[in-house]
Amino acid sequence: MEHAEFRDQQDESELTIKGPERARVGVVLVHGLNGNRSDMEELEQLFLAQGMRIENILLPGHGTQVQDMLTIGWHDWASALQQAVRAFKLHCDQVFLVGHSLGGALCLHIAAHEEVSGVIAMCAPLYMRPWMLPAIRMVRQLTPFLPTLREDLRDAQARKHYTRNVYRWTPMAPVESMLLYLPRLREELPCITMPALIIAAQRDHVVPVRDGHEIYRLLGSPEKQLVVLKRSYHLVMKDYDRQEVEERSLAFIQKYTHKETKTEDRRTYRA
């Protein structure tokens, strides 16, 4: 069976860093596993319109061909993101991290080790489902890939206009690598003390909404907020609640731009 899928590189060759050379506020955007920068493009445009400097990072192993991801895992992604954040901080007074799914987990990991002004994690995994790791290990004995499922997007109109430029096959080794790191990530969460916004989706079929609650509970941040969306599936940036995701993300960054933090512990639920 032919698993290779060669990609049109035009989209991925665009500049990953946009905005002013020197900025008061910078935002690093991080997509999920087998995603790409287009997943975060609405947030990118939103923040650019506010005069922020943006890096919409492309994680290692993505945007080329699926075989390139077979040897890539958590530590490669984390190292690339850490290097990008450190370089990005040289151009900004304040830096915020915004990630979706795997990207959200990576942002939380970096926030536990780097000084940033705030972190937004959307539908980030923390436990996933107990059967996933043994199932993936069993599948790997038979094949290194499985067909990529359709995007977890509830809004039918949005699905018509949204084409994910991703691999048609999902490699199992990187998924296993992510799952193996999650226990360590749980240990790191109490070390995160900067403001945090956690966004979860009640109807998410990829990452259980429980993971969002647990991230919120374990965070060491004195200022943290949990938003549970009731209408969207996993791709909350594209789905029914996308406007709320954008509004809350922008409001969070604006709130913590050069302002003193106050102790706060709030949970917000959407009907």
Protein backbone atom coordinates (compact mmCIF):
# COMPACT_ATOMS: atom_id res chain seq x y z
CA MET A 1 0.00 0.00 0.00
CA GLU A 2 1.37 3.40 -0.96
CA HIS A 3 1.40 5.71 2.04
CA ALA A 4 3.41 8.59 0.61
CA GLU A 5 1.64 11.84 -0.03
CA PHE A 6 3.57 14.67 -1.59
CA ARG A 7 2.34 18.08 -0.69
CA ASP A 8 2.12 21.36 -2.53
CA GLN A 9 4.69 23.42 -0.65
CA GLN A 10 3.42 26.85 -1.69
CA ASP A 11 1.38 27.46 1.45
CA GLU A 12 4.08 26.13 3.76
CA SER A 13 6.81 28.28 2.20
CA GLU A 14 5.14 31.51 3.27
CA LEU A 15 6.68 33.50 6.08
CA THR A 16 6.02 31.99 9.48
CA ILE A 17 6.71 35.32 11.22
CA LYS A 18 4.55 38.34 10.44
CA GLY A 19 4.01 41.76 11.92
CA PRO A 20 6.40 44.47 13.14
CA GLU A 21 10.09 43.73 13.60
CA ARG A 22 9.82 45.00 17.16
CA ALA A 23 6.51 44.65 18.95
CA ARG A 24 5.02 45.28 22.33
CA VAL A 25 3.15 41.97 22.13
CA GLY A 26 4.03 38.79 20.28
CA VAL A 27 2.02 35.60 19.88
CA VAL A 28 3.32 32.16 18.97
CA LEU A 29 0.64 29.94 17.38
CA VAL A 30 1.02 26.16 17.39
CA HIS A 31 -1.14 23.74 15.40
CA GLY A 32 -2.01 20.16 16.29
CA LEU A 33 -0.74 16.74 15.21
CA ASN A 34 -1.03 16.24 11.44
CA GLY A 35 -2.25 19.82 11.18
CA ASN A 36 -0.64 22.88 9.68
CA ARG A 37 -0.50 26.64 9.97
CA SER A 38 -3.81 27.17 8.18
CA ASP A 39 -5.53 25.73 11.26
CA MET A 40 -4.53 28.89 13.12
CA GLU A 41 -4.95 31.42 10.31
CA GLU A 42 -8.05 33.16 11.73
CA LEU A 43 -6.30 33.79 15.03
CA GLU A 44 -3.20 34.90 13.14
CA GLN A 45 -5.16 37.53 11.22
CA LEU A 46 -6.98 38.64 14.36
CA PHE A 47 -3.77 39.28 16.27
CA LEU A 48 -2.00 40.87 13.29
CA ALA A 49 -4.83 43.39 13.04
CA GLN A 50 -4.00 44.43 16.60
CA GLY A 51 -0.40 45.23 15.65
CA MET A 52 1.07 42.14 17.29
CA ARG A 53 4.04 40.19 16.00
CA ILE A 54 3.00 36.64 15.09
CA GLU A 55 4.85 33.39 14.59
CA ASN A 56 2.58 30.67 13.23
CA ILE A 57 4.96 27.78 13.64
CA LEU A 58 5.05 24.65 11.49
CA LEU A 59 6.01 21.71 13.68
CA PRO A 60 8.78 19.32 12.55
CA GLY A 61 7.57 16.50 10.33
CA HIS A 62 4.65 18.50 8.97
CA GLY A 63 4.26 20.11 5.55
CA THR A 64 6.54 17.73 3.63
CA GLN A 65 5.66 14.04 3.25
CA VAL A 66 4.26 11.63 5.77
CA GLN A 67 7.40 9.46 5.98
CA ASP A 68 9.25 12.44 7.43
CA MET A 69 7.15 12.20 10.57
CA LEU A 70 8.01 8.57 11.33
CA THR A 71 11.14 9.52 13.27
CA ILE A 72 9.66 12.67 14.81
CA GLY A 73 8.15 12.86 18.28
CA TRP A 74 7.43 14.94 21.34
CA HIS A 75 11.01 15.97 22.07
CA ASP A 76 11.56 17.17 18.50
CA TRP A 77 8.42 19.30 18.60
CA ALA A 78 9.18 20.65 22.07
CA SER A 79 12.76 21.51 21.17
CA ALA A 80 11.70 23.31 17.99
CA LEU A 81 9.05 25.29 19.85
CA GLN A 82 11.39 26.21 22.68
CA GLN A 83 14.00 27.50 20.23
CA ALA A 84 11.36 29.47 18.34
CA VAL A 85 10.01 31.03 21.53
CA ARG A 86 13.46 32.05 22.75
CA ALA A 87 14.29 33.70 19.42
CA PHE A 88 10.86 35.31 19.22
CA LYS A 89 11.22 36.87 22.68
CA LEU A 90 14.13 38.96 21.42
CA HIS A 91 11.68 40.95 19.28
CA CYS A 92 8.79 41.39 21.73
CA ASP A 93 8.23 42.94 25.13
CA GLN A 94 5.72 40.22 25.97
CA VAL A 95 5.08 36.81 24.43
CA PHE A 96 1.92 34.70 24.62
CA LEU A 97 1.61 31.07 23.56
CA VAL A 98 -1.53 29.81 21.81
CA GLY A 99 -1.90 26.17 20.81
CA HIS A 100 -4.51 23.69 19.67
CA SER A 101 -4.59 19.98 20.56
CA LEU A 102 -0.96 18.74 20.48
CA GLY A 103 0.03 22.40 20.04
CA GLY A 104 -1.82 23.27 23.23
CA ALA A 105 -0.01 20.54 25.15
CA LEU A 106 3.32 21.76 23.78
CA CYS A 107 2.51 25.34 24.81
CA LEU A 108 1.75 24.17 28.35
CA HIS A 109 5.03 22.26 28.42
CA ILE A 110 7.01 25.31 27.29
CA ALA A 111 5.15 27.54 29.76
CA ALA A 112 6.41 25.29 32.56
CA HIS A 113 10.02 25.99 31.54
CA GLU A 114 10.11 29.41 29.87
CA GLU A 115 9.09 32.87 31.03
CA VAL A 116 6.11 33.99 28.96
CA SER A 117 3.24 36.35 29.70
CA GLY A 118 0.41 33.88 29.24
CA VAL A 119 -0.69 30.64 27.64
CA ILE A 120 -3.87 29.62 25.82
CA ALA A 121 -4.46 25.89 25.33
CA MET A 122 -7.39 24.75 23.19
CA CYS A 123 -8.58 21.13 23.34
CA ALA A 124 -5.18 20.02 24.66
CA PRO A 125 -4.69 16.34 25.60
CA LEU A 126 -3.70 15.32 29.11
CA TYR A 127 -4.97 11.76 29.56
CA MET A 128 -6.81 10.93 26.32
CA ARG A 129 -8.47 7.49 26.57
CA PRO A 130 -6.94 4.53 28.43
CA TRP A 131 -7.21 2.16 25.48
CA MET A 132 -5.36 4.41 23.02
CA LEU A 133 -1.73 3.62 23.88
CA PRO A 134 -2.07 -0.19 23.84
CA ALA A 135 -4.17 0.02 20.68
CA ILE A 136 -1.58 2.15 18.88
CA ARG A 137 1.21 -0.21 19.92
CA MET A 138 -0.76 -3.13 18.52
CA VAL A 139 -1.46 -1.31 15.26
CA ARG A 140 2.23 -0.45 14.87
CA GLN A 141 3.03 -4.15 14.70
CA LEU A 142 0.93 -4.34 11.54
CA THR A 143 1.39 -0.95 9.86
CA PRO A 144 3.15 2.36 10.60
CA PHE A 145 0.15 4.36 9.34
CA LEU A 146 -3.61 4.56 9.59
CA PRO A 147 -5.89 6.59 7.30
CA THR A 148 -6.47 10.11 8.59
CA LEU A 149 -10.04 10.58 9.75
CA ARG A 150 -12.23 13.44 8.61
CA GLU A 151 -11.74 16.64 10.59
CA ASP A 152 -13.77 16.78 13.81
CA LEU A 153 -15.85 19.77 12.74
CA ARG A 154 -19.56 20.06 13.48
CA ASP A 155 -20.47 23.13 11.42
CA ALA A 156 -21.39 21.76 7.98
CA GLN A 157 -20.96 25.15 6.30
CA ALA A 158 -17.52 25.59 7.81
CA ARG A 159 -16.56 22.11 6.63
CA LYS A 160 -17.44 23.07 3.05
CA HIS A 161 -15.05 26.02 3.13
CA TYR A 162 -12.31 24.46 5.23
CA THR A 163 -9.87 22.12 3.53
CA ARG A 164 -7.22 20.70 5.83
CA ASN A 165 -3.98 20.42 3.90
CA VAL A 166 -2.79 17.40 5.89
CA TYR A 167 -1.40 13.95 5.28
CA ARG A 168 -4.00 11.38 4.23
CA TRP A 169 -2.21 8.90 6.47
CA THR A 170 -1.45 9.42 10.15
CA PRO A 171 1.78 7.84 11.43
CA MET A 172 1.41 5.95 14.69
CA ALA A 173 4.90 6.54 16.12
CA PRO A 174 4.41 10.30 16.73
CA VAL A 175 1.01 9.66 18.30
CA GLU A 176 2.59 7.14 20.65
CA SER A 177 5.34 9.63 21.49
CA MET A 178 2.77 12.24 22.48
CA LEU A 179 0.82 9.80 24.64
CA LEU A 180 3.99 8.67 26.40
CA TYR A 181 4.81 12.25 27.42
CA LEU A 182 1.41 13.08 28.91
CA PRO A 183 2.21 11.72 32.42
CA ARG A 184 5.22 14.04 32.52
CA LEU A 185 3.08 16.95 31.34
CA ARG A 186 0.71 16.32 34.24
CA GLU A 187 3.67 16.71 36.59
CA GLU A 188 4.69 19.97 34.90
CA LEU A 189 1.33 21.74 35.13
CA PRO A 190 1.73 22.89 38.77
CA CYS A 191 4.94 24.65 37.66
CA ILE A 192 2.96 26.95 35.36
CA THR A 193 2.31 30.19 37.24
CA MET A 194 1.57 32.69 34.47
CA PRO A 195 -2.03 33.48 33.44
CA ALA A 196 -3.69 30.66 31.54
CA LEU A 197 -6.83 30.27 29.45
CA ILE A 198 -7.98 26.69 28.92
CA ILE A 199 -10.59 26.07 26.22
CA ALA A 200 -12.31 22.69 25.95
CA ALA A 201 -15.23 21.40 23.88
CA GLN A 202 -18.03 19.38 25.41
CA ARG A 203 -18.64 17.55 22.10
CA ASP A 204 -14.97 16.95 21.23
CA HIS A 205 -14.52 13.46 19.74
CA VAL A 206 -10.71 13.61 19.74
CA VAL A 207 -9.73 14.94 23.18
CA PRO A 208 -12.15 14.25 26.06
CA VAL A 209 -13.53 17.41 27.67
CA ARG A 210 -12.36 15.90 30.96
CA ASP A 211 -8.78 16.66 29.94
CA GLY A 212 -9.57 20.39 29.90
CA HIS A 213 -11.01 20.20 33.41
CA GLU A 214 -7.92 18.32 34.64
CA ILE A 215 -5.51 20.78 33.04
CA TYR A 216 -7.36 23.60 34.76
CA ARG A 217 -7.31 21.78 38.10
CA LEU A 218 -3.59 20.97 38.00
CA LEU A 219 -2.35 24.36 36.79
CA GLY A 220 -0.35 26.33 39.33
CA SER A 221 -1.48 29.63 37.84
CA PRO A 222 -3.12 31.99 40.35
CA GLU A 223 -5.02 33.46 37.39
CA LYS A 224 -6.62 30.81 35.26
CA GLN A 225 -9.86 30.43 33.37
CA LEU A 226 -11.64 27.42 31.93
CA VAL A 227 -14.07 27.86 29.05
CA VAL A 228 -16.14 24.83 28.04
CA LEU A 229 -17.77 25.24 24.63
CA LYS A 230 -21.04 23.41 24.16
CA ARG A 231 -21.61 23.55 20.38
CA SER A 232 -18.26 22.70 18.78
CA TYR A 233 -16.26 19.57 18.10
CA HIS A 234 -12.44 19.40 18.25
CA LEU A 235 -11.58 22.14 15.74
CA VAL A 236 -12.98 24.95 17.85
CA MET A 237 -11.13 27.62 15.83
CA LYS A 238 -13.26 26.72 12.78
CA ASP A 239 -16.49 25.48 14.34
CA TYR A 240 -19.69 27.05 15.66
CA ASP A 241 -17.92 28.70 18.61
CA ARG A 242 -15.05 30.17 16.57
CA GLN A 243 -16.13 33.76 17.25
CA GLU A 244 -16.12 33.15 20.99
CA VAL A 245 -12.71 31.48 20.74
CA GLU A 246 -11.36 34.54 18.95
CA GLU A 247 -12.99 37.04 21.31
CA ARG A 248 -11.85 35.27 24.46
CA SER A 249 -8.32 34.75 23.15
CA LEU A 250 -7.93 38.40 22.21
CA ALA A 251 -9.48 39.59 25.49
CA PHE A 252 -7.12 37.33 27.45
CA ILE A 253 -4.02 38.71 25.72
CA GLN A 254 -5.19 42.30 26.05
CA LYS A 255 -5.96 41.80 29.73
CA TYR A 256 -2.45 40.62 30.53
CA THR A 257 -0.54 43.04 28.35
CA HIS A 258 1.71 44.93 30.78
CA LYS A 259 -0.68 44.52 33.68
CA GLU A 260 -0.25 43.17 37.16
CA THR A 261 -1.95 39.83 37.72
CA LYS A 262 -4.45 39.28 40.49
CA THR A 263 -5.46 36.05 42.12
CA GLU A 264 -8.41 34.64 40.25
CA ASP A 265 -10.00 31.24 39.83
CA ARG A 266 -12.94 31.16 37.47
CA ARG A 267 -14.79 28.55 35.48
CA THR A 268 -16.92 29.64 32.56
CA TYR A 269 -19.42 27.40 30.83
CA ARG A 270 -21.36 28.10 27.69
CA ALA A 271 -24.94 26.96 27.31
